[in-house]
């Protein structure tokens, strides 16, 4: 499998890569598929979603097909043509940050200097944590990197260090 194109997330004034597909559950539950004449192995899902976190709420604010042409939100959400509250998202979403440490030619498996994890319950941001990934010279480490050595909780009370 080819590495997949990331979704786009607007958060705290920044545009982040989102290595998750929060729209998938909605599409699956509503039996919706994106078909395109263009095939891209870097985007098997057939679309790239654009997301916004505002007042701890996750919104879908746009969708483009693999040809980078906008798909009107009104096609999927007739009552919400400009943005949609993503109430169906109860998951932890990953946004990689910093320099690429290890490239993996599949899915969202590449490792970057940091990972920002955002935890949602019914579309509401309930926790976030920043994980620092460190390169290693250990030849037995998978794909030449060591998993996160420390995680810092940004919201909530937990601080976790390895």
Foldseek 3Di string as FASTA:
>chain_A
DFEAFFAWEQDPNDIFGWLDDLCVVVCVVVVHAADDPDDDPNHNRQKHWYWYQDPQFIKTAWIAGPVRHTDFVCVVVVVDRGIDGSQVDFAKIKTADAAFDADDGDRNPTHHQKIWIFGDHSRGTDWIKIFGWDFDCPPPDPRRTDPTQFMQTPDDDDGGGD
